[in-house]
């Protein structure tokens, strides 16, 4: 018995951004490995790459994600 069922048809109102085709899709048309989402609106899905860039910058500058204690350089 499969642990997860593969959903082949999307739900209306679920929006995704396909990384392969660089387009917004309603419902999951492409494999999960090639998409961001689901998003609540088409507009949110259209801005998926910008949202990802902003979050990456936040995480890169978050001191909780660095191994070095705050205030000490990594090379000591």
PDB file of N, CA and C in Angstrom:
ATOM      1  N   UNK A   1       0.839  -1.175   0.000  1.00  0.00           N
ATOM      2  CA  UNK A   1       0.000   0.000   0.000  1.00  0.00           C
ATOM      3  C   UNK A   1       0.888   1.244   0.000  1.00  0.00           C
ATOM      4  N   UNK A   2       0.562   2.185  -0.847  1.00  0.00           N
ATOM      5  CA  UNK A   2       1.348   3.407  -0.962  1.00  0.00           C
ATOM      6  C   UNK A   2       1.119   4.300   0.253  1.00  0.00           C
ATOM      7  N   UNK A   3       2.191   4.902   0.699  1.00  0.00           N
ATOM      8  CA  UNK A   3       2.103   5.800   1.845  1.00  0.00           C
ATOM      9  C   UNK A   3       1.406   7.107   1.460  1.00  0.00           C
ATOM     10  N   UNK A   4       1.736   7.611   0.278  1.00  0.00           N
ATOM     11  CA  UNK A   4       1.124   8.843  -0.214  1.00  0.00           C
ATOM     12  C   UNK A   4       0.487   8.569  -1.560  1.00  0.00           C
ATOM     13  N   UNK A   5      -0.705   9.099  -1.746  1.00  0.00           N
ATOM     14  CA  UNK A   5      -1.361   8.959  -3.037  1.00  0.00           C
ATOM     15  C   UNK A   5      -0.921  10.102  -3.939  1.00  0.00           C
ATOM     16  N   UNK A   6      -0.624   9.770  -5.185  1.00  0.00           N
ATOM     17  CA  UNK A   6      -0.238  10.801  -6.142  1.00  0.00           C
ATOM     18  C   UNK A   6      -1.503  11.492  -6.643  1.00  0.00           C
ATOM     19  N   UNK A   7      -1.534  12.789  -6.474  1.00  0.00           N
ATOM     20  CA  UNK A   7      -2.679  13.561  -6.929  1.00  0.00           C
ATOM     21  C   UNK A   7      -2.391  14.039  -8.340  1.00  0.00           C
ATOM     22  N   UNK A   8      -3.233  13.647  -9.278  1.00  0.00           N
ATOM     23  CA  UNK A   8      -2.998  14.014 -10.668  1.00  0.00           C
ATOM     24  C   UNK A   8      -3.827  15.215 -11.100  1.00  0.00           C
ATOM     25  N   UNK A   9      -4.864  15.540 -10.354  1.00  0.00           N
ATOM     26  CA  UNK A   9      -5.726  16.664 -10.694  1.00  0.00           C
ATOM     27  C   UNK A   9      -5.642  17.695  -9.592  1.00  0.00           C
ATOM     28  N   UNK A  10      -5.440  18.946  -9.972  1.00  0.00           N
ATOM     29  CA  UNK A  10      -5.339  20.011  -8.981  1.00  0.00           C
ATOM     30  C   UNK A  10      -6.702  20.475  -8.502  1.00  0.00           C
ATOM     31  N   UNK A  11      -6.675  21.155  -7.392  1.00  0.00           N
ATOM     32  CA  UNK A  11      -7.902  21.736  -6.848  1.00  0.00           C
ATOM     33  C   UNK A  11      -8.033  23.159  -7.384  1.00  0.00           C
ATOM     34  N   UNK A  12      -9.219  23.572  -7.742  1.00  0.00           N
ATOM     35  CA  UNK A  12      -9.408  24.964  -8.148  1.00  0.00           C
ATOM     36  C   UNK A  12      -9.010  25.891  -6.993  1.00  0.00           C
ATOM     37  N   UNK A  13      -8.311  26.934  -7.301  1.00  0.00           N
ATOM     38  CA  UNK A  13      -7.893  27.879  -6.282  1.00  0.00           C
ATOM     39  C   UNK A  13      -6.514  27.598  -5.706  1.00  0.00           C
ATOM     40  N   UNK A  14      -5.892  26.487  -6.066  1.00  0.00           N
ATOM     41  CA  UNK A  14      -4.497  26.219  -5.671  1.00  0.00           C
ATOM     42  C   UNK A  14      -3.608  26.671  -6.810  1.00  0.00           C
ATOM     43  N   UNK A  15      -2.672  27.526  -6.503  1.00  0.00           N
ATOM     44  CA  UNK A  15      -1.791  28.069  -7.531  1.00  0.00           C
ATOM     45  C   UNK A  15      -0.357  27.655  -7.255  1.00  0.00           C
ATOM     46  N   UNK A  16       0.388  27.368  -8.303  1.00  0.00           N
ATOM     47  CA  UNK A  16       1.774  26.922  -8.206  1.00  0.00           C
ATOM     48  C   UNK A  16       2.620  27.709  -9.202  1.00  0.00           C
ATOM     49  N   UNK A  17       3.922  27.781  -8.915  1.00  0.00           N
ATOM     50  CA  UNK A  17       4.864  28.348  -9.871  1.00  0.00           C
ATOM     51  C   UNK A  17       5.756  27.208 -10.339  1.00  0.00           C
ATOM     52  N   UNK A  18       5.739  26.916 -11.635  1.00  0.00           N
ATOM     53  CA  UNK A  18       6.545  25.841 -12.201  1.00  0.00           C
ATOM     54  C   UNK A  18       7.946  26.368 -12.509  1.00  0.00           C
ATOM     55  N   UNK A  19       8.949  25.763 -11.885  1.00  0.00           N
ATOM     56  CA  UNK A  19      10.338  26.166 -12.090  1.00  0.00           C
ATOM     57  C   UNK A  19      10.857  25.708 -13.451  1.00  0.00           C
ATOM     58  N   UNK A  20      10.325  24.633 -13.971  1.00  0.00           N
ATOM     59  CA  UNK A  20      10.742  24.098 -15.263  1.00  0.00           C
ATOM     60  C   UNK A  20      10.263  24.976 -16.416  1.00  0.00           C
ATOM     61  N   UNK A  21       8.980  25.331 -16.383  1.00  0.00           N
ATOM     62  CA  UNK A  21       8.382  26.106 -17.474  1.00  0.00           C
ATOM     63  C   UNK A  21       8.323  27.603 -17.198  1.00  0.00           C
ATOM     64  N   UNK A  22       8.675  27.980 -15.959  1.00  0.00           N
ATOM     65  CA  UNK A  22       8.669  29.391 -15.542  1.00  0.00           C
ATOM     66  C   UNK A  22       7.310  30.045 -15.793  1.00  0.00           C
ATOM     67  N   UNK A  23       6.269  29.345 -15.293  1.00  0.00           N
ATOM     68  CA  UNK A  23       4.914  29.876 -15.448  1.00  0.00           C
ATOM     69  C   UNK A  23       4.056  29.485 -14.253  1.00  0.00           C
ATOM     70  N   UNK A  24       2.955  30.200 -14.101  1.00  0.00           N
ATOM     71  CA  UNK A  24       1.999  29.948 -13.036  1.00  0.00           C
ATOM     72  C   UNK A  24       1.003  28.906 -13.532  1.00  0.00           C
ATOM     73  N   UNK A  25       0.648  27.965 -12.636  1.00  0.00           N
ATOM     74  CA  UNK A  25      -0.301  26.916 -12.976  1.00  0.00           C
ATOM     75  C   UNK A  25      -1.381  26.845 -11.908  1.00  0.00           C
ATOM     76  N   UNK A  26      -2.596  26.594 -12.318  1.00  0.00           N
ATOM     77  CA  UNK A  26      -3.662  26.338 -11.345  1.00  0.00           C
ATOM     78  C   UNK A  26      -3.743  24.839 -11.159  1.00  0.00           C
ATOM     79  N   UNK A  27      -3.534  24.403  -9.939  1.00  0.00           N
ATOM     80  CA  UNK A  27      -3.468  22.971  -9.663  1.00  0.00           C
ATOM     81  C   UNK A  27      -2.092  22.444 -10.038  1.00  0.00           C
ATOM     82  N   UNK A  28      -1.673  21.335  -9.437  1.00  0.00           N
ATOM     83  CA  UNK A  28      -0.339  20.805  -9.745  1.00  0.00           C
ATOM     84  C   UNK A  28      -0.318  20.112 -11.102  1.00  0.00           C
ATOM     85  N   UNK A  29       0.248  20.788 -12.100  1.00  0.00           N
ATOM     86  CA  UNK A  29       0.373  20.199 -13.423  1.00  0.00           C
ATOM     87  C   UNK A  29       1.721  19.501 -13.574  1.00  0.00           C
ATOM     88  N   UNK A  30       2.754  20.049 -12.971  1.00  0.00           N
ATOM     89  CA  UNK A  30       4.106  19.516 -13.087  1.00  0.00           C
ATOM     90  C   UNK A  30       4.478  18.776 -11.796  1.00  0.00           C
ATOM     91  N   UNK A  31       5.522  17.944 -11.844  1.00  0.00           N
ATOM     92  CA  UNK A  31       5.948  17.215 -10.642  1.00  0.00           C
ATOM     93  C   UNK A  31       6.328  18.173  -9.501  1.00  0.00           C
ATOM     94  N   UNK A  32       6.166  17.698  -8.276  1.00  0.00           N
ATOM     95  CA  UNK A  32       6.430  18.513  -7.090  1.00  0.00           C
ATOM     96  C   UNK A  32       7.869  19.028  -7.067  1.00  0.00           C
ATOM     97  N   UNK A  33       8.816  18.264  -7.588  1.00  0.00           N
ATOM     98  CA  UNK A  33      10.220  18.688  -7.578  1.00  0.00           C
ATOM     99  C   UNK A  33      10.454  19.918  -8.451  1.00  0.00           C
ATOM    100  N   UNK A  34       9.514  20.233  -9.333  1.00  0.00           N
ATOM    101  CA  UNK A  34       9.674  21.346 -10.263  1.00  0.00           C
ATOM    102  C   UNK A  34       8.783  22.535  -9.958  1.00  0.00           C
ATOM    103  N   UNK A  35       8.212  22.598  -8.752  1.00  0.00           N
ATOM    104  CA  UNK A  35       7.283  23.699  -8.502  1.00  0.00           C
ATOM    105  C   UNK A  35       7.353  24.218  -7.070  1.00  0.00           C
ATOM    106  N   UNK A  36       6.949  25.483  -6.911  1.00  0.00           N
ATOM    107  CA  UNK A  36       6.733  26.094  -5.614  1.00  0.00           C
ATOM    108  C   UNK A  36       5.225  26.191  -5.417  1.00  0.00           C
ATOM    109  N   UNK A  37       4.778  26.049  -4.179  1.00  0.00           N
ATOM    110  CA  UNK A  37       3.366  26.226  -3.902  1.00  0.00           C
ATOM    111  C   UNK A  37       2.851  25.138  -2.996  1.00  0.00           C
ATOM    112  N   UNK A  38       1.606  25.152  -2.694  1.00  0.00           N
ATOM    113  CA  UNK A  38       0.544  25.957  -3.298  1.00  0.00           C
ATOM    114  C   UNK A  38       0.459  27.359  -2.701  1.00  0.00           C
ATOM    115  N   UNK A  39      -0.030  28.261  -3.512  1.00  0.00           N
ATOM    116  CA  UNK A  39      -0.285  29.634  -3.100  1.00  0.00           C
ATOM    117  C   UNK A  39      -1.787  29.869  -3.131  1.00  0.00           C
ATOM    118  N   UNK A  40      -2.252  30.809  -2.339  1.00  0.00           N
ATOM    119  CA  UNK A  40      -3.686  31.098  -2.234  1.00  0.00           C
ATOM    120  C   UNK A  40      -4.226  31.866  -3.435  1.00  0.00           C
ATOM    121  N   UNK A  41      -3.350  32.559  -4.155  1.00  0.00           N
ATOM    122  CA  UNK A  41      -3.814  33.354  -5.291  1.00  0.00           C
ATOM    123  C   UNK A  41      -2.805  33.284  -6.433  1.00  0.00           C
ATOM    124  N   UNK A  42      -3.284  33.619  -7.605  1.00  0.00           N
ATOM    125  CA  UNK A  42      -2.422  33.669  -8.792  1.00  0.00           C
ATOM    126  C   UNK A  42      -1.305  34.707  -8.599  1.00  0.00           C
ATOM    127  N   UNK A  43      -1.658  35.842  -8.002  1.00  0.00           N
ATOM    128  CA  UNK A  43      -0.675  36.911  -7.781  1.00  0.00           C
ATOM    129  C   UNK A  43       0.478  36.435  -6.892  1.00  0.00           C
ATOM    130  N   UNK A  44       0.157  35.688  -5.825  1.00  0.00           N
ATOM    131  CA  UNK A  44       1.215  35.160  -4.955  1.00  0.00           C
ATOM    132  C   UNK A  44       2.125  34.222  -5.731  1.00  0.00           C
ATOM    133  N   UNK A  45       1.545  33.365  -6.560  1.00  0.00           N
ATOM    134  CA  UNK A  45       2.346  32.425  -7.353  1.00  0.00           C
ATOM    135  C   UNK A  45       3.216  33.170  -8.361  1.00  0.00           C
ATOM    136  N   UNK A  46       2.716  34.254  -8.929  1.00  0.00           N
ATOM    137  CA  UNK A  46       3.495  35.046  -9.885  1.00  0.00           C
ATOM    138  C   UNK A  46       4.740  35.641  -9.239  1.00  0.00           C
ATOM    139  N   UNK A  47       4.688  35.890  -7.942  1.00  0.00           N
ATOM    140  CA  UNK A  47       5.808  36.492  -7.220  1.00  0.00           C
ATOM    141  C   UNK A  47       6.636  35.454  -6.461  1.00  0.00           C
ATOM    142  N   UNK A  48       6.496  34.187  -6.814  1.00  0.00           N
ATOM    143  CA  UNK A  48       7.168  33.103  -6.085  1.00  0.00           C
ATOM    144  C   UNK A  48       8.686  33.263  -6.062  1.00  0.00           C
ATOM    145  N   UNK A  49       9.280  33.622  -7.177  1.00  0.00           N
ATOM    146  CA  UNK A  49      10.741  33.733  -7.226  1.00  0.00           C
ATOM    147  C   UNK A  49      11.223  34.917  -6.385  1.00  0.00           C
ATOM    148  N   UNK A  50      10.502  36.021  -6.415  1.00  0.00           N
ATOM    149  CA  UNK A  50      10.877  37.179  -5.595  1.00  0.00           C
ATOM    150  C   UNK A  50      10.758  36.830  -4.114  1.00  0.00           C
ATOM    151  N   UNK A  51       9.685  36.141  -3.747  1.00  0.00           N
ATOM    152  CA  UNK A  51       9.492  35.717  -2.361  1.00  0.00           C
ATOM    153  C   UNK A  51      10.626  34.808  -1.918  1.00  0.00           C
ATOM    154  N   UNK A  52      11.019  33.874  -2.780  1.00  0.00           N
ATOM    155  CA  UNK A  52      12.117  32.957  -2.454  1.00  0.00           C
ATOM    156  C   UNK A  52      13.427  33.717  -2.259  1.00  0.00           C
ATOM    157  N   UNK A  53      13.726  34.677  -3.135  1.00  0.00           N
ATOM    158  CA  UNK A  53      14.954  35.490  -2.984  1.00  0.00           C
ATOM    159  C   UNK A  53      14.947  36.253  -1.667  1.00  0.00           C
ATOM    160  N   UNK A  54      13.813  36.866  -1.329  1.00  0.00           N
ATOM    161  CA  UNK A  54      13.714  37.636  -0.085  1.00  0.00           C
ATOM    162  C   UNK A  54      13.914  36.731   1.132  1.00  0.00           C
ATOM    163  N   UNK A  55      13.304  35.554   1.110  1.00  0.00           N
ATOM    164  CA  UNK A  55      13.454  34.624   2.236  1.00  0.00           C
ATOM    165  C   UNK A  55      14.880  34.110   2.342  1.00  0.00           C
ATOM    166  N   UNK A  56      15.515  33.841   1.218  1.00  0.00           N
ATOM    167  CA  UNK A  56      16.909  33.388   1.247  1.00  0.00           C
ATOM    168  C   UNK A  56      17.809  34.443   1.872  1.00  0.00           C
ATOM    169  N   UNK A  57      17.603  35.709   1.521  1.00  0.00           N
ATOM    170  CA  UNK A  57      18.404  36.789   2.116  1.00  0.00           C
ATOM    171  C   UNK A  57      18.181  36.873   3.624  1.00  0.00           C
ATOM    172  N   UNK A  58      16.934  36.746   4.044  1.00  0.00           N
ATOM    173  CA  UNK A  58      16.640  36.774   5.476  1.00  0.00           C
ATOM    174  C   UNK A  58      17.357  35.643   6.195  1.00  0.00           C
ATOM    175  N   UNK A  59      17.308  34.436   5.636  1.00  0.00           N
ATOM    176  CA  UNK A  59      17.924  33.268   6.269  1.00  0.00           C
ATOM    177  C   UNK A  59      19.446  33.373   6.264  1.00  0.00           C
ATOM    178  N   UNK A  60      20.023  33.895   5.176  1.00  0.00           N
ATOM    179  CA  UNK A  60      21.479  34.039   5.107  1.00  0.00           C
ATOM    180  C   UNK A  60      21.998  35.017   6.148  1.00  0.00           C
ATOM    181  N   UNK A  61      21.182  35.990   6.512  1.00  0.00           N
ATOM    182  CA  UNK A  61      21.594  37.004   7.476  1.00  0.00           C
ATOM    183  C   UNK A  61      21.075  36.741   8.882  1.00  0.00           C
ATOM    184  N   UNK A  62      20.444  35.605   9.094  1.00  0.00           N
ATOM    185  CA  UNK A  62      19.904  35.260  10.407  1.00  0.00           C
ATOM    186  C   UNK A  62      21.013  34.619  11.246  1.00  0.00           C
ATOM    187  N   UNK A  63      21.402  35.230  12.367  1.00  0.00           N
ATOM    188  CA  UNK A  63      22.493  34.679  13.176  1.00  0.00           C
ATOM    189  C   UNK A  63      22.198  33.289  13.739  1.00  0.00           C
ATOM    190  N   UNK A  64      20.936  32.906  13.847  1.00  0.00           N
ATOM    191  CA  UNK A  64      20.599  31.575  14.356  1.00  0.00           C
ATOM    192  C   UNK A  64      21.011  30.467  13.380  1.00  0.00           C
ATOM    193  N   UNK A  65      21.259  30.805  12.104  1.00  0.00           N
ATOM    194  CA  UNK A  65      21.619  29.805  11.105  1.00  0.00           C
ATOM    195  C   UNK A  65      23.118  29.660  10.936  1.00  0.00           C
ATOM    196  N   UNK A  66      23.916  30.385  11.694  1.00  0.00           N
ATOM    197  CA  UNK A  66      25.377  30.316  11.592  1.00  0.00           C
ATOM    198  C   UNK A  66      25.927  29.536  12.770  1.00  0.00           C
ATOM    199  N   UNK A  67      26.985  28.761  12.527  1.00  0.00           N
ATOM    200  CA  UNK A  67      27.584  27.940  13.579  1.00  0.00           C
ATOM    201  C   UNK A  67      28.391  28.760  14.575  1.00  0.00           C
ATOM    202  N   UNK A  68      28.952  29.864  14.124  1.00  0.00           N
ATOM    203  CA  UNK A  68      29.793  30.681  15.002  1.00  0.00           C
ATOM    204  C   UNK A  68      28.920  31.450  15.991  1.00  0.00           C
ATOM    205  N   UNK A  69      29.341  31.551  17.232  1.00  0.00           N
ATOM    206  CA  UNK A  69      28.591  32.360  18.202  1.00  0.00           C
ATOM    207  C   UNK A  69      28.538  33.819  17.757  1.00  0.00           C
ATOM    208  N   UNK A  70      27.515  34.497  18.140  1.00  0.00           N
ATOM    209  CA  UNK A  70      27.357  35.901  17.768  1.00  0.00           C
ATOM    210  C   UNK A  70      28.559  36.709  18.231  1.00  0.00           C
ATOM    211  N   UNK A  71      29.076  37.558  17.353  1.00  0.00           N
ATOM    212  CA  UNK A  71      30.189  38.437  17.704  1.00  0.00           C
ATOM    213  C   UNK A  71      31.564  37.814  17.494  1.00  0.00           C
ATOM    214  N   UNK A  72      31.653  36.558  17.094  1.00  0.00           N
ATOM    215  CA  UNK A  72      32.949  35.919  16.838  1.00  0.00           C
ATOM    216  C   UNK A  72      33.043  35.528  15.373  1.00  0.00           C
ATOM    217  N   UNK A  73      34.164  35.811  14.729  1.00  0.00           N
ATOM    218  CA  UNK A  73      34.355  35.388  13.346  1.00  0.00           C
ATOM    219  C   UNK A  73      34.508  33.868  13.258  1.00  0.00           C
ATOM    220  N   UNK A  74      34.217  33.301  12.106  1.00  0.00           N
ATOM    221  CA  UNK A  74      34.285  31.875  11.876  1.00  0.00           C
ATOM    222  C   UNK A  74      35.713  31.316  11.903  1.00  0.00           C
ATOM    223  N   UNK A  75      36.741  32.126  11.589  1.00  0.00           N
ATOM    224  CA  UNK A  75      38.112  31.619  11.432  1.00  0.00           C
ATOM    225  C   UNK A  75      38.930  31.562  12.709  1.00  0.00           C
ATOM    226  N   UNK A  76      38.398  31.707  13.838  1.00  0.00           N
ATOM    227  CA  UNK A  76      39.237  31.701  15.047  1.00  0.00           C
ATOM    228  C   UNK A  76      39.689  30.316  15.402  1.00  0.00           C
TER     229      UNK A  76
END
